[in-house]
Every structure is written in C-alpha cells, then in structure tokens.
Amino acid sequence: MTTDLSIIGIVFAIILFIIFFAAVILYLSFRIKETFREEKRRGMLAVKIGFLIGILFLAGGSFYFFAQILSPQTSPTPNPITPSNGNGDTKPELRLSISYPTTTRMGTQITITFTITNPSNISANDVIVQTNSLFEHFSLLSSTHERTGNTIEIGTVSSGTTVCSMELVAPSKPRDFSDTIGLTFTEMTEQITQNISISISGGPQ
C-alpha cells in the first residue's frame, strides 16, 4: 500500500511540474512574440530567435528525461548459478586412501580396501580406481565393486565416503611388489594417485 501511494505521489508531482513548465514556456513565448513586434533590429531578432529555440530544446529535454524515468526498466537476466563446493569450486573433490598389509606370505589371502571420500556437495561421475599390475600378481577372490581388467568400476560418488573392499590371494613366489593406484573421474583436473608396496615372503603358515 505504501509503494502504491508513493507512485501516485510521484506521478502527481510530475504532472504539476509539466503544467508549470508548460505555463512558463507559453508565457515566455507570448512575451517574446510581443517583443518581436516591438524590436526590428536584426541582431536582437537573431538573439531572441536563438533564445526561443533554446527554450524549446530545454522543454523537449525535460519531457524526454521524465519519459525515461516513467519507462519500465528491464532487469538483467541473472546468470545461472553453478553448483559449488565448500571451497568455492565448481567441481567435486575426491580423496583416496588405501588400507592393505605391507607384508604377507606366499599364497596368503589379504584384504585391500580403497576408501574414496567426497567432502564436497557435488557428485563425482564415472569414478574408476586404476591399477597397473596388481591383478597380474594377486588373484582376485571377491570384490564389492566390479573389476574390468586393471580397473575397478566405482561409478558415481556422492558426498560422503565410498568403500571398495577386495579379497586377494598373494602370489606363489616371494618378491617385493609395488604399484601405483590412480583415481579418475569425469570432472577431475588431475589424477589422484597412491603408491602401495607389499613384501611377499616364505610360504603359508
């Protein structure tokens, strides 16, 4: 209600200004016309004509100014908001930690756990754990996620923690095994990697 009264007051004030300004212009025009009849010198006539033209331009400018004020303003179209995580980024963050025994014996069953943490509020898509030679030396018994070749398909990782656990059997020969585990996803800017090292010795207990 207060906004409506303010608009009505503004419109009323503008109307009064236009009426007053029009009356002043008419009065000046009438006086100049009367002066034209009395004054015949060319110099004064040119000055008075210029003055009259200036008043007309001033009147036109004033009307244009008020027309601009009364015309509806076009609001700029807001840009779409891109989801952002807590750090102001527009992409998800992932962290990888690996739990595994650093020593084992030949033919022994071990468990390797890949823990993927997403501290952001944005889901990461097509998440994959990439190994180099892990499955060439350790036999896979079971896995909570599907394995294809040297990769483990995790899928979409939402905010929180996703755990992939694998049961493996150590190789039948003693050796020192090491591998680089990579974590990749669609939105990543740089691959996340972790190194693992397992020493295999002796025979089954």
Protein backbone atom coordinates (compact mmCIF):
# COMPACT_ATOMS: atom_id res chain seq x y z
CA MET A 1 0.00 0.00 0.00
CA THR A 2 2.84 2.41 0.84
CA THR A 3 4.51 1.70 -2.51
CA ASP A 4 1.26 2.46 -4.40
CA LEU A 5 0.88 5.80 -2.60
CA SER A 6 4.48 6.70 -3.39
CA ILE A 7 3.94 6.00 -7.10
CA ILE A 8 0.75 8.08 -7.13
CA GLY A 9 2.59 10.96 -5.40
CA ILE A 10 5.44 10.84 -7.93
CA VAL A 11 3.03 10.84 -10.88
CA PHE A 12 1.06 13.75 -9.38
CA ALA A 13 4.28 15.77 -8.81
CA ILE A 14 5.39 15.14 -12.40
CA ILE A 15 2.02 16.29 -13.74
CA LEU A 16 2.24 19.52 -11.70
CA PHE A 17 5.77 20.10 -12.96
CA ILE A 18 4.70 19.61 -16.58
CA ILE A 19 1.78 22.00 -16.15
CA PHE A 20 4.01 24.62 -14.50
CA PHE A 21 6.75 24.20 -17.10
CA ALA A 22 4.23 24.42 -19.97
CA ALA A 23 2.76 27.60 -18.47
CA VAL A 24 6.24 29.16 -18.22
CA ILE A 25 7.01 28.27 -21.83
CA LEU A 26 3.70 29.70 -23.03
CA TYR A 27 4.29 32.89 -21.08
CA LEU A 28 7.82 33.30 -22.42
CA SER A 29 6.62 32.56 -25.93
CA PHE A 30 3.93 35.21 -25.62
CA ARG A 31 6.41 37.78 -24.27
CA ILE A 32 8.93 37.04 -26.99
CA LYS A 33 6.22 37.33 -29.61
CA GLU A 34 5.24 40.73 -28.26
CA THR A 35 8.89 41.76 -28.21
CA PHE A 36 9.28 40.70 -31.85
CA ARG A 37 6.63 43.17 -32.78
CA GLU A 38 8.44 46.00 -31.00
CA GLU A 39 12.04 45.15 -31.90
CA LYS A 40 13.04 45.37 -35.56
CA ARG A 41 16.85 45.22 -35.39
CA ARG A 42 18.34 42.11 -36.96
CA GLY A 43 20.85 41.43 -34.15
CA MET A 44 18.26 41.45 -31.40
CA LEU A 45 15.90 39.44 -33.59
CA ALA A 46 18.54 36.70 -34.01
CA VAL A 47 19.23 36.66 -30.27
CA LYS A 48 15.55 36.30 -29.44
CA ILE A 49 15.07 33.54 -32.02
CA GLY A 50 18.04 31.67 -30.55
CA PHE A 51 16.60 32.13 -27.06
CA LEU A 52 13.24 30.76 -28.20
CA ILE A 53 14.89 27.74 -29.85
CA GLY A 54 16.89 27.10 -26.65
CA ILE A 55 13.70 27.12 -24.58
CA LEU A 56 12.11 24.64 -26.98
CA PHE A 57 15.14 22.32 -26.72
CA LEU A 58 15.04 22.64 -22.91
CA ALA A 59 11.38 21.72 -22.87
CA GLY A 60 11.96 18.74 -25.14
CA GLY A 61 14.87 17.55 -22.99
CA SER A 62 12.80 17.80 -19.83
CA PHE A 63 9.95 15.79 -21.33
CA TYR A 64 12.43 13.17 -22.58
CA PHE A 65 14.00 12.94 -19.11
CA PHE A 66 10.67 12.28 -17.42
CA ALA A 67 9.70 9.83 -20.14
CA GLN A 68 12.87 7.86 -19.35
CA ILE A 69 12.02 7.87 -15.63
CA LEU A 70 8.48 6.59 -16.26
CA SER A 71 9.51 3.93 -18.80
CA PRO A 72 9.79 0.39 -17.33
CA GLN A 73 13.32 -0.71 -16.55
CA THR A 74 14.43 -4.06 -17.97
CA SER A 75 16.08 -6.18 -15.32
CA PRO A 76 19.19 -8.03 -16.47
CA THR A 77 18.77 -11.76 -16.86
CA PRO A 78 20.60 -13.44 -13.98
CA ASN A 79 23.33 -15.86 -14.89
CA PRO A 80 22.65 -19.48 -14.00
CA ILE A 81 24.24 -20.48 -10.72
CA THR A 82 26.77 -23.25 -11.00
CA PRO A 83 26.89 -25.64 -8.08
CA SER A 84 29.87 -25.03 -5.87
CA ASN A 85 31.53 -26.94 -3.11
CA GLY A 86 32.52 -25.54 0.28
CA ASN A 87 35.75 -24.07 -1.09
CA GLY A 88 34.01 -22.11 -3.83
CA ASP A 89 34.96 -24.61 -6.53
CA THR A 90 32.54 -25.73 -9.22
CA LYS A 91 33.85 -29.30 -9.34
CA PRO A 92 33.76 -32.16 -6.83
CA GLU A 93 36.72 -33.06 -4.67
CA LEU A 94 37.77 -36.65 -4.09
CA ARG A 95 40.34 -38.13 -1.73
CA LEU A 96 41.75 -41.65 -1.87
CA SER A 97 43.16 -43.73 0.98
CA ILE A 98 44.24 -47.38 0.74
CA SER A 99 44.38 -49.90 3.54
CA TYR A 100 46.47 -53.05 2.96
CA PRO A 101 49.07 -55.26 4.68
CA THR A 102 52.63 -54.22 3.92
CA THR A 103 53.89 -57.78 4.43
CA THR A 104 52.33 -61.14 3.70
CA ARG A 105 53.30 -64.71 2.85
CA MET A 106 53.02 -66.61 -0.41
CA GLY A 107 49.51 -67.85 -1.21
CA THR A 108 48.01 -65.98 1.74
CA GLN A 109 44.65 -64.22 1.46
CA ILE A 110 44.79 -60.47 2.05
CA THR A 111 42.27 -57.63 2.02
CA ILE A 112 42.81 -54.32 0.26
CA THR A 113 40.35 -51.51 0.95
CA PHE A 114 40.01 -48.38 -1.20
CA THR A 115 38.28 -45.57 0.68
CA ILE A 116 37.08 -42.69 -1.50
CA THR A 117 35.97 -39.56 0.32
CA ASN A 118 33.98 -36.75 -1.28
CA PRO A 119 33.96 -33.74 1.11
CA SER A 120 32.11 -31.53 -1.39
CA ASN A 121 28.37 -31.33 -2.08
CA ILE A 122 28.82 -32.21 -5.75
CA SER A 123 28.74 -35.79 -7.00
CA ALA A 124 31.66 -37.19 -9.00
CA ASN A 125 30.71 -39.28 -12.02
CA ASP A 126 32.33 -42.34 -13.65
CA VAL A 127 34.78 -42.85 -10.79
CA ILE A 128 37.41 -45.52 -11.53
CA VAL A 129 40.23 -47.00 -9.47
CA GLN A 130 43.05 -47.69 -11.93
CA THR A 131 45.80 -50.21 -11.15
CA ASN A 132 48.89 -51.09 -13.18
CA SER A 133 49.89 -54.65 -12.29
CA LEU A 134 48.03 -55.51 -9.07
CA PHE A 135 45.79 -58.13 -10.66
CA GLU A 136 48.66 -59.61 -12.64
CA HIS A 137 50.32 -60.77 -9.41
CA PHE A 138 47.42 -61.08 -6.95
CA SER A 139 44.43 -63.31 -7.71
CA LEU A 140 41.03 -61.76 -7.09
CA LEU A 141 38.67 -63.76 -4.88
CA SER A 142 35.88 -61.24 -4.29
CA SER A 143 35.17 -57.52 -4.63
CA THR A 144 32.42 -55.17 -3.56
CA HIS A 145 32.71 -53.45 -6.97
CA GLU A 146 33.05 -54.75 -10.49
CA ARG A 147 36.54 -55.19 -11.89
CA THR A 148 37.35 -54.87 -15.60
CA GLY A 149 40.94 -55.65 -16.49
CA ASN A 150 43.13 -53.46 -14.33
CA THR A 151 40.31 -51.07 -13.38
CA ILE A 152 37.70 -51.13 -10.63
CA GLU A 153 34.38 -49.51 -11.56
CA ILE A 154 33.16 -47.36 -8.65
CA GLY A 155 30.54 -45.29 -10.53
CA THR A 156 29.01 -42.15 -9.03
CA VAL A 157 30.43 -40.97 -5.72
CA SER A 158 28.16 -38.60 -3.80
CA SER A 159 29.05 -36.51 -0.77
CA GLY A 160 30.49 -38.71 1.95
CA THR A 161 32.56 -41.90 1.90
CA THR A 162 32.53 -44.83 -0.52
CA VAL A 163 34.44 -48.01 0.35
CA CYS A 164 35.62 -50.68 -2.09
CA SER A 165 36.91 -53.85 -0.44
CA MET A 166 38.74 -56.65 -2.30
CA GLU A 167 39.88 -60.11 -1.20
CA LEU A 168 43.11 -61.15 -2.95
CA VAL A 169 45.50 -64.09 -2.83
CA ALA A 170 49.22 -63.29 -2.74
CA PRO A 171 51.48 -64.70 -5.50
CA SER A 172 53.23 -68.04 -5.07
CA LYS A 173 56.71 -66.62 -5.28
CA PRO A 174 58.44 -64.31 -2.80
CA ARG A 175 59.03 -60.82 -4.03
CA ASP A 176 58.67 -57.15 -3.23
CA PHE A 177 55.60 -55.85 -5.02
CA SER A 178 54.82 -52.19 -5.66
CA ASP A 179 52.16 -50.49 -7.73
CA THR A 180 50.67 -47.05 -8.37
CA ILE A 181 46.93 -46.78 -7.83
CA GLY A 182 45.12 -43.96 -9.63
CA LEU A 183 41.69 -42.47 -9.02
CA THR A 184 39.98 -40.89 -12.02
CA PHE A 185 36.55 -39.33 -12.58
CA THR A 186 34.85 -37.22 -15.24
CA GLU A 187 35.17 -33.83 -13.51
CA MET A 188 38.79 -34.21 -12.39
CA THR A 189 41.51 -31.73 -13.30
CA GLU A 190 44.36 -34.00 -12.17
CA GLN A 191 44.53 -37.71 -11.44
CA ILE A 192 44.80 -38.74 -7.77
CA THR A 193 47.46 -41.39 -7.14
CA GLN A 194 48.68 -43.51 -4.22
CA ASN A 195 51.63 -45.91 -4.11
CA ILE A 196 51.39 -49.32 -2.44
CA SER A 197 54.20 -51.71 -1.53
CA ILE A 198 53.75 -55.29 -0.28
CA SER A 199 56.58 -57.63 0.65
CA ILE A 200 55.79 -61.31 -0.06
CA SER A 201 57.99 -63.89 1.62
CA GLY A 202 58.15 -67.54 2.76
CA GLY A 203 55.25 -69.92 2.48
CA PRO A 204 51.82 -70.24 4.09
CA GLN A 205 51.87 -70.53 7.87
